[in-house]
Amino acid sequence: MLNLLIIIILFSCRTEHNKYESSNDKLLDSNYHTIIDPIQYPAKFKYGLDSISKIIYSNMNVISEKGKVIVSIEIDSLGNIKNTKIVKSNNEKLNPEALRLVKLIPNEWTPAEIGSQRKKIPSNFNFLIKFDKAIKLLYSE
């Protein structure tokens, strides 16, 4: 019985180990036969992420409605914002204002990088905008 248990444990460890095989900074998923490139160095905003909140909340016009909107921006390999989209929203009336606010963020990003040679690649950055008068006042001071 003990031998059977040891064999089962060894087999499960071995199959989990083979699930991902490392090769040239890429992961090969043996179940799907696709290559996954993990981002080792994510995109960074030149002035820091706190300044994005300051830009958004100091320029926010809609404060009569309350809600949360998750916005995604695509940062290209040069550090420019290319595409913006709403990922999730609990108040559809706020979506146009959220997209307007995101367009105010300057194209001053350091792009994401992968690999030992730090190849610049496009990536997505998601963030939450909370439409609330109290938060607007906090960041507007």
C-alpha atoms as a PDB file:
ATOM      1  CA  MET A   1       0.000   0.000   0.000  1.00  0.00           C
ATOM      2  CA  LEU A   2       2.817   2.399   0.910  1.00  0.00           C
ATOM      3  CA  ASN A   3       4.639   1.604  -2.352  1.00  0.00           C
ATOM      4  CA  LEU A   4       1.504   2.378  -4.355  1.00  0.00           C
ATOM      5  CA  LEU A   5       1.115   5.710  -2.569  1.00  0.00           C
ATOM      6  CA  ILE A   6       4.755   6.652  -3.315  1.00  0.00           C
ATOM      7  CA  ILE A   7       4.333   5.749  -6.987  1.00  0.00           C
ATOM      8  CA  ILE A   8       1.180   7.877  -7.244  1.00  0.00           C
ATOM      9  CA  ILE A   9       2.916  10.856  -5.597  1.00  0.00           C
ATOM     10  CA  LEU A  10       5.980  10.549  -7.865  1.00  0.00           C
ATOM     11  CA  PHE A  11       3.810  10.263 -10.983  1.00  0.00           C
ATOM     12  CA  SER A  12       1.760  13.339 -10.062  1.00  0.00           C
ATOM     13  CA  CYS A  13       4.913  15.401  -9.401  1.00  0.00           C
ATOM     14  CA  ARG A  14       6.436  14.331 -12.702  1.00  0.00           C
ATOM     15  CA  THR A  15       3.345  15.162 -14.763  1.00  0.00           C
ATOM     16  CA  GLU A  16       3.036  18.587 -13.114  1.00  0.00           C
ATOM     17  CA  HIS A  17       6.734  19.234 -13.838  1.00  0.00           C
ATOM     18  CA  ASN A  18       6.293  18.359 -17.517  1.00  0.00           C
ATOM     19  CA  LYS A  19       3.289  20.642 -17.906  1.00  0.00           C
ATOM     20  CA  TYR A  20       5.577  23.586 -18.612  1.00  0.00           C
ATOM     21  CA  GLU A  21       8.958  23.170 -20.232  1.00  0.00           C
ATOM     22  CA  SER A  22      11.323  26.131 -20.191  1.00  0.00           C
ATOM     23  CA  SER A  23      13.175  27.069 -23.363  1.00  0.00           C
ATOM     24  CA  ASN A  24      14.700  30.413 -24.378  1.00  0.00           C
ATOM     25  CA  ASP A  25      12.668  32.547 -21.929  1.00  0.00           C
ATOM     26  CA  LYS A  26       9.410  30.961 -23.130  1.00  0.00           C
ATOM     27  CA  LEU A  27       7.064  28.453 -21.571  1.00  0.00           C
ATOM     28  CA  LEU A  28       5.658  25.616 -23.619  1.00  0.00           C
ATOM     29  CA  ASP A  29       2.273  24.440 -22.437  1.00  0.00           C
ATOM     30  CA  SER A  30       2.286  20.751 -23.347  1.00  0.00           C
ATOM     31  CA  ASN A  31      -1.516  20.540 -23.095  1.00  0.00           C
ATOM     32  CA  TYR A  32      -2.165  23.151 -25.784  1.00  0.00           C
ATOM     33  CA  HIS A  33       1.146  23.195 -27.683  1.00  0.00           C
ATOM     34  CA  THR A  34       1.364  26.969 -27.509  1.00  0.00           C
ATOM     35  CA  ILE A  35       4.183  29.222 -26.454  1.00  0.00           C
ATOM     36  CA  ILE A  36       3.559  31.629 -23.594  1.00  0.00           C
ATOM     37  CA  ASP A  37       5.870  34.654 -23.275  1.00  0.00           C
ATOM     38  CA  PRO A  38       5.778  35.896 -19.703  1.00  0.00           C
ATOM     39  CA  ILE A  39       6.355  39.640 -19.380  1.00  0.00           C
ATOM     40  CA  GLN A  40       9.371  40.008 -17.162  1.00  0.00           C
ATOM     41  CA  TYR A  41       9.419  43.806 -17.127  1.00  0.00           C
ATOM     42  CA  PRO A  42       5.908  45.347 -17.231  1.00  0.00           C
ATOM     43  CA  ALA A  43       5.179  48.707 -18.829  1.00  0.00           C
ATOM     44  CA  LYS A  44       5.752  51.709 -16.561  1.00  0.00           C
ATOM     45  CA  PHE A  45       4.307  55.201 -16.664  1.00  0.00           C
ATOM     46  CA  LYS A  46       7.049  57.836 -16.659  1.00  0.00           C
ATOM     47  CA  TYR A  47       5.577  59.792 -13.739  1.00  0.00           C
ATOM     48  CA  GLY A  48       4.415  56.808 -11.659  1.00  0.00           C
ATOM     49  CA  LEU A  49       1.028  55.165 -11.312  1.00  0.00           C
ATOM     50  CA  ASP A  50      -0.142  57.621  -8.633  1.00  0.00           C
ATOM     51  CA  SER A  51       0.022  60.427 -11.178  1.00  0.00           C
ATOM     52  CA  ILE A  52      -2.488  58.558 -13.382  1.00  0.00           C
ATOM     53  CA  SER A  53      -5.006  58.746 -10.536  1.00  0.00           C
ATOM     54  CA  LYS A  54      -4.278  62.462 -10.153  1.00  0.00           C
ATOM     55  CA  ILE A  55      -4.857  63.051 -13.902  1.00  0.00           C
ATOM     56  CA  ILE A  56      -8.099  61.073 -13.900  1.00  0.00           C
ATOM     57  CA  TYR A  57      -9.701  62.392 -10.726  1.00  0.00           C
ATOM     58  CA  SER A  58      -8.698  66.034 -11.154  1.00  0.00           C
ATOM     59  CA  ASN A  59     -10.297  66.044 -14.643  1.00  0.00           C
ATOM     60  CA  MET A  60     -13.408  64.020 -13.778  1.00  0.00           C
ATOM     61  CA  ASN A  61     -16.625  65.820 -14.769  1.00  0.00           C
ATOM     62  CA  VAL A  62     -19.299  63.263 -13.885  1.00  0.00           C
ATOM     63  CA  ILE A  63     -19.798  63.115 -10.132  1.00  0.00           C
ATOM     64  CA  SER A  64     -23.590  62.895  -9.911  1.00  0.00           C
ATOM     65  CA  GLU A  65     -23.504  59.217 -10.973  1.00  0.00           C
ATOM     66  CA  LYS A  66     -21.714  56.581  -8.919  1.00  0.00           C
ATOM     67  CA  GLY A  67     -20.063  53.450 -10.202  1.00  0.00           C
ATOM     68  CA  LYS A  68     -16.894  51.582 -11.107  1.00  0.00           C
ATOM     69  CA  VAL A  69     -15.387  51.143 -14.548  1.00  0.00           C
ATOM     70  CA  ILE A  70     -12.410  48.919 -15.394  1.00  0.00           C
ATOM     71  CA  VAL A  71     -10.521  50.269 -18.390  1.00  0.00           C
ATOM     72  CA  SER A  72      -7.823  48.532 -20.428  1.00  0.00           C
ATOM     73  CA  ILE A  73      -5.177  50.387 -22.403  1.00  0.00           C
ATOM     74  CA  GLU A  74      -2.761  48.846 -24.870  1.00  0.00           C
ATOM     75  CA  ILE A  75       0.768  50.180 -24.687  1.00  0.00           C
ATOM     76  CA  ASP A  76       2.684  49.534 -27.900  1.00  0.00           C
ATOM     77  CA  SER A  77       6.378  48.607 -28.166  1.00  0.00           C
ATOM     78  CA  LEU A  78       7.297  52.313 -28.387  1.00  0.00           C
ATOM     79  CA  GLY A  79       5.477  53.266 -25.180  1.00  0.00           C
ATOM     80  CA  ASN A  80       2.409  54.877 -26.746  1.00  0.00           C
ATOM     81  CA  ILE A  81      -1.205  54.201 -25.817  1.00  0.00           C
ATOM     82  CA  LYS A  82      -2.882  52.582 -28.826  1.00  0.00           C
ATOM     83  CA  ASN A  83      -6.232  51.093 -27.867  1.00  0.00           C
ATOM     84  CA  THR A  84      -8.547  51.780 -24.975  1.00  0.00           C
ATOM     85  CA  LYS A  85     -11.595  49.757 -24.057  1.00  0.00           C
ATOM     86  CA  ILE A  86     -14.020  49.166 -21.240  1.00  0.00           C
ATOM     87  CA  VAL A  87     -13.423  45.770 -19.636  1.00  0.00           C
ATOM     88  CA  LYS A  88     -16.202  45.923 -17.054  1.00  0.00           C
ATOM     89  CA  SER A  89     -18.666  48.535 -15.854  1.00  0.00           C
ATOM     90  CA  ASN A  90     -21.444  48.567 -13.308  1.00  0.00           C
ATOM     91  CA  ASN A  91     -22.911  51.826 -14.686  1.00  0.00           C
ATOM     92  CA  GLU A  92     -23.006  52.145 -18.492  1.00  0.00           C
ATOM     93  CA  LYS A  93     -23.653  55.909 -18.256  1.00  0.00           C
ATOM     94  CA  LEU A  94     -20.077  56.352 -16.981  1.00  0.00           C
ATOM     95  CA  ASN A  95     -18.321  54.582 -19.882  1.00  0.00           C
ATOM     96  CA  PRO A  96     -17.936  57.646 -22.164  1.00  0.00           C
ATOM     97  CA  GLU A  97     -16.475  59.691 -19.300  1.00  0.00           C
ATOM     98  CA  ALA A  98     -14.067  56.871 -18.386  1.00  0.00           C
ATOM     99  CA  LEU A  99     -12.801  56.675 -21.984  1.00  0.00           C
ATOM    100  CA  ARG A 100     -12.440  60.481 -22.138  1.00  0.00           C
ATOM    101  CA  LEU A 101     -10.374  60.464 -18.943  1.00  0.00           C
ATOM    102  CA  VAL A 102      -8.092  57.697 -20.203  1.00  0.00           C
ATOM    103  CA  LYS A 103      -7.338  59.736 -23.334  1.00  0.00           C
ATOM    104  CA  LEU A 104      -5.850  62.422 -21.064  1.00  0.00           C
ATOM    105  CA  ILE A 105      -3.023  60.098 -19.980  1.00  0.00           C
ATOM    106  CA  PRO A 106       0.156  61.128 -21.844  1.00  0.00           C
ATOM    107  CA  ASN A 107       1.983  58.709 -24.159  1.00  0.00           C
ATOM    108  CA  GLU A 108       4.980  58.636 -21.835  1.00  0.00           C
ATOM    109  CA  TRP A 109       5.333  54.961 -21.035  1.00  0.00           C
ATOM    110  CA  THR A 110       8.287  52.624 -20.952  1.00  0.00           C
ATOM    111  CA  PRO A 111       7.069  49.577 -22.889  1.00  0.00           C
ATOM    112  CA  ALA A 112       6.984  46.074 -21.435  1.00  0.00           C
ATOM    113  CA  GLU A 113      10.013  43.882 -22.072  1.00  0.00           C
ATOM    114  CA  ILE A 114      10.721  40.154 -22.182  1.00  0.00           C
ATOM    115  CA  GLY A 115      13.742  37.918 -22.366  1.00  0.00           C
ATOM    116  CA  SER A 116      17.347  38.344 -21.411  1.00  0.00           C
ATOM    117  CA  GLN A 117      17.798  40.856 -24.243  1.00  0.00           C
ATOM    118  CA  ARG A 118      14.799  42.845 -22.927  1.00  0.00           C
ATOM    119  CA  LYS A 119      12.888  42.932 -26.204  1.00  0.00           C
ATOM    120  CA  LYS A 120      10.209  45.661 -26.139  1.00  0.00           C
ATOM    121  CA  ILE A 121       6.696  44.301 -26.696  1.00  0.00           C
ATOM    122  CA  PRO A 122       3.113  45.595 -26.652  1.00  0.00           C
ATOM    123  CA  SER A 123       1.152  44.928 -23.473  1.00  0.00           C
ATOM    124  CA  ASN A 124      -2.125  45.761 -21.752  1.00  0.00           C
ATOM    125  CA  PHE A 125      -2.582  47.750 -18.576  1.00  0.00           C
ATOM    126  CA  ASN A 126      -5.905  47.589 -16.685  1.00  0.00           C
ATOM    127  CA  PHE A 127      -7.065  49.962 -13.993  1.00  0.00           C
ATOM    128  CA  LEU A 128     -10.180  50.824 -12.045  1.00  0.00           C
ATOM    129  CA  ILE A 129     -11.893  54.219 -12.137  1.00  0.00           C
ATOM    130  CA  LYS A 130     -14.267  54.817  -9.217  1.00  0.00           C
ATOM    131  CA  PHE A 131     -16.838  57.508  -9.841  1.00  0.00           C
ATOM    132  CA  ASP A 132     -17.374  58.931  -6.391  1.00  0.00           C
ATOM    133  CA  LYS A 133     -17.377  62.561  -5.227  1.00  0.00           C
ATOM    134  CA  ALA A 134     -15.257  61.754  -2.151  1.00  0.00           C
ATOM    135  CA  ILE A 135     -12.459  60.188  -4.232  1.00  0.00           C
ATOM    136  CA  LYS A 136     -12.517  63.097  -6.687  1.00  0.00           C
ATOM    137  CA  LEU A 137     -12.098  65.544  -3.792  1.00  0.00           C
ATOM    138  CA  LEU A 138      -9.251  63.495  -2.336  1.00  0.00           C
ATOM    139  CA  TYR A 139      -7.221  63.620  -5.576  1.00  0.00           C
ATOM    140  CA  SER A 140      -8.164  67.173  -6.531  1.00  0.00           C
ATOM    141  CA  GLU A 141      -6.484  68.767  -3.524  1.00  0.00           C
END
